[in-house]
Amino acid sequence: GADLQDAFPERADFSRQVPRLILENNLHGIDIDP
């Protein structure tokens, strides 16, 4: 929690950023069909 709380001191702001963080950091996909 310390690193996350340092980056996002307010819990409400952290929750607001989570969807963006998930798409920009966690999820990756490859496909041959454009």
PDB file of all heavy atoms in Angstrom:
ATOM      1  N   GLY A   1       0.790  -1.235   0.000  1.00  0.00           N
ATOM      2  CA  GLY A   1       0.000   0.000   0.000  1.00  0.00           C
ATOM      3  C   GLY A   1       0.812   1.269   0.000  1.00  0.00           C
ATOM      4  O   GLY A   1       0.379   2.287  -0.559  1.00  0.00           O
ATOM      5  N   ALA A   2       2.019   1.254   0.601  1.00  0.00           N
ATOM      6  CA  ALA A   2       2.795   2.492   0.730  1.00  0.00           C
ATOM      7  C   ALA A   2       3.083   3.125  -0.623  1.00  0.00           C
ATOM      8  O   ALA A   2       2.896   4.337  -0.813  1.00  0.00           O
ATOM      9  CB  ALA A   2       4.092   2.216   1.489  1.00  0.00           C
ATOM     10  N   ASP A   3       3.533   2.320  -1.592  1.00  0.00           N
ATOM     11  CA  ASP A   3       3.853   2.868  -2.918  1.00  0.00           C
ATOM     12  C   ASP A   3       2.604   3.383  -3.623  1.00  0.00           C
ATOM     13  O   ASP A   3       2.631   4.436  -4.274  1.00  0.00           O
ATOM     14  CB  ASP A   3       4.527   1.795  -3.779  1.00  0.00           C
ATOM     15  CG  ASP A   3       5.944   1.492  -3.319  1.00  0.00           C
ATOM     16  OD1 ASP A   3       6.515   2.323  -2.588  1.00  0.00           O
ATOM     17  OD2 ASP A   3       6.466   0.422  -3.677  1.00  0.00           O
ATOM     18  N   LEU A   4       1.517   2.639  -3.506  1.00  0.00           N
ATOM     19  CA  LEU A   4       0.274   3.078  -4.144  1.00  0.00           C
ATOM     20  C   LEU A   4      -0.269   4.332  -3.480  1.00  0.00           C
ATOM     21  O   LEU A   4      -0.753   5.250  -4.158  1.00  0.00           O
ATOM     22  CB  LEU A   4      -0.761   1.950  -4.089  1.00  0.00           C
ATOM     23  CG  LEU A   4      -0.461   0.721  -4.945  1.00  0.00           C
ATOM     24  CD1 LEU A   4      -1.426  -0.409  -4.623  1.00  0.00           C
ATOM     25  CD2 LEU A   4      -0.531   1.062  -6.432  1.00  0.00           C
ATOM     26  N   GLN A   5      -0.191   4.374  -2.154  1.00  0.00           N
ATOM     27  CA  GLN A   5      -0.688   5.545  -1.433  1.00  0.00           C
ATOM     28  C   GLN A   5       0.189   6.765  -1.679  1.00  0.00           C
ATOM     29  O   GLN A   5      -0.286   7.908  -1.644  1.00  0.00           O
ATOM     30  CB  GLN A   5      -0.773   5.233   0.056  1.00  0.00           C
ATOM     31  CG  GLN A   5      -1.841   4.204   0.397  1.00  0.00           C
ATOM     32  CD  GLN A   5      -1.705   3.645   1.788  1.00  0.00           C
ATOM     33  OE1 GLN A   5      -1.065   4.242   2.660  1.00  0.00           O
ATOM     34  NE2 GLN A   5      -2.297   2.481   2.029  1.00  0.00           N
ATOM     35  N   ASP A   6       1.482   6.523  -1.937  1.00  0.00           N
ATOM     36  CA  ASP A   6       2.370   7.638  -2.273  1.00  0.00           C
ATOM     37  C   ASP A   6       2.005   8.208  -3.636  1.00  0.00           C
ATOM     38  O   ASP A   6       2.037   9.431  -3.846  1.00  0.00           O
ATOM     39  CB  ASP A   6       3.824   7.152  -2.267  1.00  0.00           C
ATOM     40  CG  ASP A   6       4.795   8.281  -2.533  1.00  0.00           C
ATOM     41  OD1 ASP A   6       4.798   9.255  -1.753  1.00  0.00           O
ATOM     42  OD2 ASP A   6       5.557   8.197  -3.523  1.00  0.00           O
ATOM     43  N   ALA A   7       1.657   7.324  -4.586  1.00  0.00           N
ATOM     44  CA  ALA A   7       1.282   7.780  -5.926  1.00  0.00           C
ATOM     45  C   ALA A   7      -0.126   8.362  -5.948  1.00  0.00           C
ATOM     46  O   ALA A   7      -0.403   9.295  -6.713  1.00  0.00           O
ATOM     47  CB  ALA A   7       1.396   6.619  -6.918  1.00  0.00           C
ATOM     48  N   PHE A   8      -1.005   7.818  -5.103  1.00  0.00           N
ATOM     49  CA  PHE A   8      -2.407   8.264  -5.065  1.00  0.00           C
ATOM     50  C   PHE A   8      -2.815   8.447  -3.599  1.00  0.00           C
ATOM     51  O   PHE A   8      -3.395   7.546  -2.993  1.00  0.00           O
ATOM     52  CB  PHE A   8      -3.317   7.229  -5.749  1.00  0.00           C
ATOM     53  CG  PHE A   8      -2.875   6.847  -7.136  1.00  0.00           C
ATOM     54  CD1 PHE A   8      -2.148   5.683  -7.357  1.00  0.00           C
ATOM     55  CD2 PHE A   8      -3.169   7.654  -8.218  1.00  0.00           C
ATOM     56  CE1 PHE A   8      -1.743   5.321  -8.625  1.00  0.00           C
ATOM     57  CE2 PHE A   8      -2.765   7.307  -9.499  1.00  0.00           C
ATOM     58  CZ  PHE A   8      -2.040   6.135  -9.713  1.00  0.00           C
ATOM     59  N   PRO A   9      -2.522   9.602  -3.000  1.00  0.00           N
ATOM     60  CA  PRO A   9      -2.790   9.802  -1.565  1.00  0.00           C
ATOM     61  C   PRO A   9      -4.261   9.655  -1.194  1.00  0.00           C
ATOM     62  O   PRO A   9      -4.582   9.202  -0.091  1.00  0.00           O
ATOM     63  CB  PRO A   9      -2.287  11.231  -1.309  1.00  0.00           C
ATOM     64  CG  PRO A   9      -1.307  11.496  -2.417  1.00  0.00           C
ATOM     65  CD  PRO A   9      -1.837  10.745  -3.599  1.00  0.00           C
ATOM     66  N   GLU A  10      -5.155  10.034  -2.097  1.00  0.00           N
ATOM     67  CA  GLU A  10      -6.589   9.975  -1.805  1.00  0.00           C
ATOM     68  C   GLU A  10      -7.175   8.679  -2.347  1.00  0.00           C
ATOM     69  O   GLU A  10      -6.988   8.360  -3.530  1.00  0.00           O
ATOM     70  CB  GLU A  10      -7.324  11.166  -2.413  1.00  0.00           C
ATOM     71  CG  GLU A  10      -6.865  12.514  -1.886  1.00  0.00           C
ATOM     72  CD  GLU A  10      -7.158  12.659  -0.402  1.00  0.00           C
ATOM     73  OE1 GLU A  10      -8.174  12.083   0.064  1.00  0.00           O
ATOM     74  OE2 GLU A  10      -6.376  13.336   0.294  1.00  0.00           O
ATOM     75  N   ARG A  11      -7.889   7.955  -1.482  1.00  0.00           N
ATOM     76  CA  ARG A  11      -8.469   6.676  -1.904  1.00  0.00           C
ATOM     77  C   ARG A  11      -9.439   6.863  -3.068  1.00  0.00           C
ATOM     78  O   ARG A  11      -9.472   6.051  -3.996  1.00  0.00           O
ATOM     79  CB  ARG A  11      -9.190   6.031  -0.713  1.00  0.00           C
ATOM     80  CG  ARG A  11      -9.835   4.675  -1.010  1.00  0.00           C
ATOM     81  CD  ARG A  11      -8.776   3.672  -1.395  1.00  0.00           C
ATOM     82  NE  ARG A  11      -9.298   2.378  -1.759  1.00  0.00           N
ATOM     83  CZ  ARG A  11      -9.254   1.296  -0.981  1.00  0.00           C
ATOM     84  NH1 ARG A  11      -8.739   1.394   0.235  1.00  0.00           N
ATOM     85  NH2 ARG A  11      -9.718   0.160  -1.395  1.00  0.00           N
ATOM     86  N   ALA A  12     -10.214   7.934  -3.032  1.00  0.00           N
ATOM     87  CA  ALA A  12     -11.192   8.165  -4.102  1.00  0.00           C
ATOM     88  C   ALA A  12     -10.490   8.365  -5.445  1.00  0.00           C
ATOM     89  O   ALA A  12     -10.940   7.859  -6.481  1.00  0.00           O
ATOM     90  CB  ALA A  12     -12.057   9.383  -3.770  1.00  0.00           C
ATOM     91  N   ASP A  13      -9.372   9.092  -5.433  1.00  0.00           N
ATOM     92  CA  ASP A  13      -8.634   9.308  -6.677  1.00  0.00           C
ATOM     93  C   ASP A  13      -8.017   7.999  -7.168  1.00  0.00           C
ATOM     94  O   ASP A  13      -7.984   7.726  -8.373  1.00  0.00           O
ATOM     95  CB  ASP A  13      -7.536  10.355  -6.469  1.00  0.00           C
ATOM     96  CG  ASP A  13      -6.759  10.631  -7.754  1.00  0.00           C
ATOM     97  OD1 ASP A  13      -7.399  10.919  -8.781  1.00  0.00           O
ATOM     98  OD2 ASP A  13      -5.515  10.523  -7.727  1.00  0.00           O
ATOM     99  N   PHE A  14      -7.531   7.180  -6.227  1.00  0.00           N
ATOM    100  CA  PHE A  14      -6.977   5.880  -6.606  1.00  0.00           C
ATOM    101  C   PHE A  14      -8.032   5.025  -7.300  1.00  0.00           C
ATOM    102  O   PHE A  14      -7.784   4.453  -8.360  1.00  0.00           O
ATOM    103  CB  PHE A  14      -6.442   5.158  -5.369  1.00  0.00           C
ATOM    104  CG  PHE A  14      -6.013   3.745  -5.625  1.00  0.00           C
ATOM    105  CD1 PHE A  14      -4.856   3.469  -6.335  1.00  0.00           C
ATOM    106  CD2 PHE A  14      -6.772   2.674  -5.170  1.00  0.00           C
ATOM    107  CE1 PHE A  14      -4.457   2.157  -6.580  1.00  0.00           C
ATOM    108  CE2 PHE A  14      -6.388   1.369  -5.401  1.00  0.00           C
ATOM    109  CZ  PHE A  14      -5.222   1.107  -6.115  1.00  0.00           C
ATOM    110  N   SER A  15      -9.219   4.934  -6.709  1.00  0.00           N
ATOM    111  CA  SER A  15     -10.302   4.139  -7.305  1.00  0.00           C
ATOM    112  C   SER A  15     -10.653   4.664  -8.692  1.00  0.00           C
ATOM    113  O   SER A  15     -10.968   3.890  -9.598  1.00  0.00           O
ATOM    114  CB  SER A  15     -11.532   4.171  -6.401  1.00  0.00           C
ATOM    115  OG  SER A  15     -11.240   3.603  -5.136  1.00  0.00           O
ATOM    116  N   ARG A  16     -10.588   5.978  -8.838  1.00  0.00           N
ATOM    117  CA  ARG A  16     -10.900   6.581 -10.136  1.00  0.00           C
ATOM    118  C   ARG A  16      -9.860   6.201 -11.182  1.00  0.00           C
ATOM    119  O   ARG A  16     -10.181   6.031 -12.368  1.00  0.00           O
ATOM    120  CB  ARG A  16     -10.950   8.110  -9.968  1.00  0.00           C
ATOM    121  CG  ARG A  16     -11.477   8.877 -11.158  1.00  0.00           C
ATOM    122  CD  ARG A  16     -11.709  10.332 -10.775  1.00  0.00           C
ATOM    123  NE  ARG A  16     -10.452  11.009 -10.496  1.00  0.00           N
ATOM    124  CZ  ARG A  16      -9.739  11.683 -11.409  1.00  0.00           C
ATOM    125  NH1 ARG A  16     -10.180  11.761 -12.651  1.00  0.00           N
ATOM    126  NH2 ARG A  16      -8.618  12.280 -11.080  1.00  0.00           N
ATOM    127  N   GLN A  17      -8.615   6.016 -10.766  1.00  0.00           N
ATOM    128  CA  GLN A  17      -7.535   5.718 -11.708  1.00  0.00           C
ATOM    129  C   GLN A  17      -7.406   4.230 -12.030  1.00  0.00           C
ATOM    130  O   GLN A  17      -6.765   3.867 -13.024  1.00  0.00           O
ATOM    131  CB  GLN A  17      -6.204   6.216 -11.133  1.00  0.00           C
ATOM    132  CG  GLN A  17      -6.104   7.716 -10.956  1.00  0.00           C
ATOM    133  CD  GLN A  17      -6.082   8.464 -12.281  1.00  0.00           C
ATOM    134  OE1 GLN A  17      -5.730   7.905 -13.328  1.00  0.00           O
ATOM    135  NE2 GLN A  17      -6.466   9.728 -12.244  1.00  0.00           N
ATOM    136  N   VAL A  18      -8.006   3.361 -11.204  1.00  0.00           N
ATOM    137  CA  VAL A  18      -7.800   1.912 -11.366  1.00  0.00           C
ATOM    138  C   VAL A  18      -8.163   1.408 -12.765  1.00  0.00           C
ATOM    139  O   VAL A  18      -7.381   0.653 -13.371  1.00  0.00           O
ATOM    140  CB  VAL A  18      -8.554   1.135 -10.269  1.00  0.00           C
ATOM    141  CG1 VAL A  18      -8.695  -0.347 -10.641  1.00  0.00           C
ATOM    142  CG2 VAL A  18      -7.816   1.252  -8.942  1.00  0.00           C
ATOM    143  N   PRO A  19      -9.321   1.748 -13.336  1.00  0.00           N
ATOM    144  CA  PRO A  19      -9.613   1.248 -14.691  1.00  0.00           C
ATOM    145  C   PRO A  19      -8.533   1.619 -15.709  1.00  0.00           C
ATOM    146  O   PRO A  19      -8.163   0.810 -16.565  1.00  0.00           O
ATOM    147  CB  PRO A  19     -10.957   1.893 -15.024  1.00  0.00           C
ATOM    148  CG  PRO A  19     -11.597   2.113 -13.687  1.00  0.00           C
ATOM    149  CD  PRO A  19     -10.472   2.504 -12.780  1.00  0.00           C
ATOM    150  N   ARG A  20      -8.034   2.853 -15.610  1.00  0.00           N
ATOM    151  CA  ARG A  20      -6.956   3.268 -16.520  1.00  0.00           C
ATOM    152  C   ARG A  20      -5.684   2.462 -16.251  1.00  0.00           C
ATOM    153  O   ARG A  20      -5.011   2.008 -17.202  1.00  0.00           O
ATOM    154  CB  ARG A  20      -6.667   4.765 -16.339  1.00  0.00           C
ATOM    155  CG  ARG A  20      -5.487   5.252 -17.175  1.00  0.00           C
ATOM    156  CD  ARG A  20      -5.142   6.701 -16.862  1.00  0.00           C
ATOM    157  NE  ARG A  20      -4.612   6.857 -15.518  1.00  0.00           N
ATOM    158  CZ  ARG A  20      -3.338   6.637 -15.181  1.00  0.00           C
ATOM    159  NH1 ARG A  20      -2.470   6.198 -16.080  1.00  0.00           N
ATOM    160  NH2 ARG A  20      -2.937   6.828 -13.934  1.00  0.00           N
ATOM    161  N   LEU A  21      -5.343   2.271 -14.984  1.00  0.00           N
ATOM    162  CA  LEU A  21      -4.134   1.529 -14.639  1.00  0.00           C
ATOM    163  C   LEU A  21      -4.193   0.096 -15.168  1.00  0.00           C
ATOM    164  O   LEU A  21      -3.192  -0.449 -15.649  1.00  0.00           O
ATOM    165  CB  LEU A  21      -3.938   1.519 -13.123  1.00  0.00           C
ATOM    166  CG  LEU A  21      -3.606   2.866 -12.471  1.00  0.00           C
ATOM    167  CD1 LEU A  21      -3.616   2.732 -10.953  1.00  0.00           C
ATOM    168  CD2 LEU A  21      -2.267   3.387 -12.953  1.00  0.00           C
ATOM    169  N   ILE A  22      -5.367  -0.513 -15.085  1.00  0.00           N
ATOM    170  CA  ILE A  22      -5.518  -1.898 -15.555  1.00  0.00           C
ATOM    171  C   ILE A  22      -5.255  -1.987 -17.051  1.00  0.00           C
ATOM    172  O   ILE A  22      -4.513  -2.858 -17.521  1.00  0.00           O
ATOM    173  CB  ILE A  22      -6.923  -2.430 -15.209  1.00  0.00           C
ATOM    174  CG1 ILE A  22      -7.075  -2.599 -13.692  1.00  0.00           C
ATOM    175  CG2 ILE A  22      -7.183  -3.760 -15.923  1.00  0.00           C
ATOM    176  CD1 ILE A  22      -8.469  -2.991 -13.254  1.00  0.00           C
ATOM    177  N   LEU A  23      -5.839  -1.070 -17.813  1.00  0.00           N
ATOM    178  CA  LEU A  23      -5.670  -1.132 -19.272  1.00  0.00           C
ATOM    179  C   LEU A  23      -4.266  -0.752 -19.697  1.00  0.00           C
ATOM    180  O   LEU A  23      -3.720  -1.323 -20.654  1.00  0.00           O
ATOM    181  CB  LEU A  23      -6.692  -0.221 -19.956  1.00  0.00           C
ATOM    182  CG  LEU A  23      -7.978  -0.910 -20.427  1.00  0.00           C
ATOM    183  CD1 LEU A  23      -8.707  -1.569 -19.266  1.00  0.00           C
ATOM    184  CD2 LEU A  23      -8.901   0.073 -21.139  1.00  0.00           C
ATOM    185  N   GLU A  24      -3.637   0.176 -18.995  1.00  0.00           N
ATOM    186  CA  GLU A  24      -2.321   0.652 -19.417  1.00  0.00           C
ATOM    187  C   GLU A  24      -1.176  -0.200 -18.883  1.00  0.00           C
ATOM    188  O   GLU A  24      -0.065  -0.139 -19.417  1.00  0.00           O
ATOM    189  CB  GLU A  24      -2.135   2.103 -18.987  1.00  0.00           C
ATOM    190  CG  GLU A  24      -3.058   3.073 -19.721  1.00  0.00           C
ATOM    191  CD  GLU A  24      -2.753   4.526 -19.408  1.00  0.00           C
ATOM    192  OE1 GLU A  24      -1.858   4.775 -18.564  1.00  0.00           O
ATOM    193  OE2 GLU A  24      -3.398   5.408 -19.999  1.00  0.00           O
ATOM    194  N   ASN A  25      -1.425  -1.012 -17.841  1.00  0.00           N
ATOM    195  CA  ASN A  25      -0.345  -1.773 -17.222  1.00  0.00           C
ATOM    196  C   ASN A  25      -0.497  -3.285 -17.305  1.00  0.00           C
ATOM    197  O   ASN A  25       0.507  -3.994 -17.441  1.00  0.00           O
ATOM    198  CB  ASN A  25      -0.209  -1.398 -15.737  1.00  0.00           C
ATOM    199  CG  ASN A  25       0.296   0.012 -15.537  1.00  0.00           C
ATOM    200  OD1 ASN A  25       1.470   0.303 -15.722  1.00  0.00           O
ATOM    201  ND2 ASN A  25      -0.603   0.907 -15.152  1.00  0.00           N
ATOM    202  N   ASN A  26      -1.711  -3.798 -17.201  1.00  0.00           N
ATOM    203  CA  ASN A  26      -1.882  -5.220 -16.913  1.00  0.00           C
ATOM    204  C   ASN A  26      -2.280  -6.102 -18.086  1.00  0.00           C
ATOM    205  O   ASN A  26      -1.805  -7.240 -18.186  1.00  0.00           O
ATOM    206  CB  ASN A  26      -2.932  -5.395 -15.809  1.00  0.00           C
ATOM    207  CG  ASN A  26      -2.598  -4.629 -14.551  1.00  0.00           C
ATOM    208  OD1 ASN A  26      -3.291  -3.681 -14.196  1.00  0.00           O
ATOM    209  ND2 ASN A  26      -1.541  -5.011 -13.861  1.00  0.00           N
ATOM    210  N   LEU A  27      -3.152  -5.629 -18.942  1.00  0.00           N
ATOM    211  CA  LEU A  27      -3.790  -6.506 -19.930  1.00  0.00           C
ATOM    212  C   LEU A  27      -3.125  -6.398 -21.297  1.00  0.00           C
ATOM    213  O   LEU A  27      -2.980  -5.288 -21.842  1.00  0.00           O
ATOM    214  CB  LEU A  27      -5.277  -6.173 -20.042  1.00  0.00           C
ATOM    215  CG  LEU A  27      -6.063  -6.297 -18.723  1.00  0.00           C
ATOM    216  CD1 LEU A  27      -7.526  -5.928 -18.949  1.00  0.00           C
ATOM    217  CD2 LEU A  27      -5.949  -7.710 -18.163  1.00  0.00           C
ATOM    218  N   HIS A  28      -2.735  -7.542 -21.854  1.00  0.00           N
ATOM    219  CA  HIS A  28      -2.074  -7.600 -23.151  1.00  0.00           C
ATOM    220  C   HIS A  28      -2.731  -8.681 -24.006  1.00  0.00           C
ATOM    221  O   HIS A  28      -3.101  -9.739 -23.496  1.00  0.00           O
ATOM    222  CB  HIS A  28      -0.580  -7.924 -22.995  1.00  0.00           C
ATOM    223  CG  HIS A  28       0.171  -6.919 -22.178  1.00  0.00           C
ATOM    224  ND1 HIS A  28       0.012  -6.805 -20.814  1.00  0.00           N
ATOM    225  CD2 HIS A  28       1.082  -5.983 -22.538  1.00  0.00           C
ATOM    226  CE1 HIS A  28       0.798  -5.841 -20.362  1.00  0.00           C
ATOM    227  NE2 HIS A  28       1.457  -5.334 -21.388  1.00  0.00           N
ATOM    228  N   GLY A  29      -2.850  -8.415 -25.293  1.00  0.00           N
ATOM    229  CA  GLY A  29      -3.456  -9.390 -26.196  1.00  0.00           C
ATOM    230  C   GLY A  29      -2.843  -9.325 -27.585  1.00  0.00           C
ATOM    231  O   GLY A  29      -2.409  -8.265 -28.040  1.00  0.00           O
ATOM    232  N   ILE A  30      -2.808 -10.478 -28.245  1.00  0.00           N
ATOM    233  CA  ILE A  30      -2.305 -10.584 -29.617  1.00  0.00           C
ATOM    234  C   ILE A  30      -3.339 -11.355 -30.428  1.00  0.00           C
ATOM    235  O   ILE A  30      -3.915 -12.332 -29.934  1.00  0.00           O
ATOM    236  CB  ILE A  30      -0.964 -11.351 -29.672  1.00  0.00           C
ATOM    237  CG1 ILE A  30       0.071 -10.724 -28.733  1.00  0.00           C
ATOM    238  CG2 ILE A  30      -0.424 -11.411 -31.098  1.00  0.00           C
ATOM    239  CD1 ILE A  30       1.322 -11.576 -28.578  1.00  0.00           C
ATOM    240  N   ASP A  31      -3.560 -10.938 -31.656  1.00  0.00           N
ATOM    241  CA  ASP A  31      -4.424 -11.719 -32.541  1.00  0.00           C
ATOM    242  C   ASP A  31      -4.014 -11.488 -33.989  1.00  0.00           C
ATOM    243  O   ASP A  31      -3.429 -10.450 -34.327  1.00  0.00           O
ATOM    244  CB  ASP A  31      -5.898 -11.377 -32.342  1.00  0.00           C
ATOM    245  CG  ASP A  31      -6.793 -12.543 -32.744  1.00  0.00           C
ATOM    246  OD1 ASP A  31      -7.020 -13.431 -31.890  1.00  0.00           O
ATOM    247  OD2 ASP A  31      -7.229 -12.599 -33.906  1.00  0.00           O
ATOM    248  N   ILE A  32      -4.317 -12.468 -34.838  1.00  0.00           N
ATOM    249  CA  ILE A  32      -3.997 -12.342 -36.260  1.00  0.00           C
ATOM    250  C   ILE A  32      -5.129 -11.673 -37.035  1.00  0.00           C
ATOM    251  O   ILE A  32      -4.952 -11.325 -38.204  1.00  0.00           O
ATOM    252  CB  ILE A  32      -3.690 -13.720 -36.888  1.00  0.00           C
ATOM    253  CG1 ILE A  32      -4.918 -14.627 -36.818  1.00  0.00           C
ATOM    254  CG2 ILE A  32      -2.493 -14.370 -36.228  1.00  0.00           C
ATOM    255  CD1 ILE A  32      -4.751 -15.939 -37.571  1.00  0.00           C
ATOM    256  N   ASP A  33      -6.274 -11.466 -36.387  1.00  0.00           N
ATOM    257  CA  ASP A  33      -7.445 -10.883 -37.044  1.00  0.00           C
ATOM    258  C   ASP A  33      -7.534  -9.411 -36.648  1.00  0.00           C
ATOM    259  O   ASP A  33      -7.824  -9.090 -35.497  1.00  0.00           O
ATOM    260  CB  ASP A  33      -8.702 -11.634 -36.601  1.00  0.00           C
ATOM    261  CG  ASP A  33      -9.955 -11.155 -37.330  1.00  0.00           C
ATOM    262  OD1 ASP A  33      -9.914 -10.054 -37.906  1.00  0.00           O
ATOM    263  OD2 ASP A  33     -10.963 -11.872 -37.305  1.00  0.00           O
ATOM    264  N   PRO A  34      -7.298  -8.484 -37.569  1.00  0.00           N
ATOM    265  CA  PRO A  34      -7.308  -7.057 -37.211  1.00  0.00           C
ATOM    266  C   PRO A  34      -8.639  -6.597 -36.621  1.00  0.00           C
ATOM    267  O   PRO A  34      -8.662  -5.808 -35.680  1.00  0.00           O
ATOM    268  CB  PRO A  34      -7.014  -6.351 -38.544  1.00  0.00           C
ATOM    269  CG  PRO A  34      -6.347  -7.381 -39.381  1.00  0.00           C
ATOM    270  CD  PRO A  34      -6.946  -8.697 -38.986  1.00  0.00           C
TER     271      PRO A  34
END
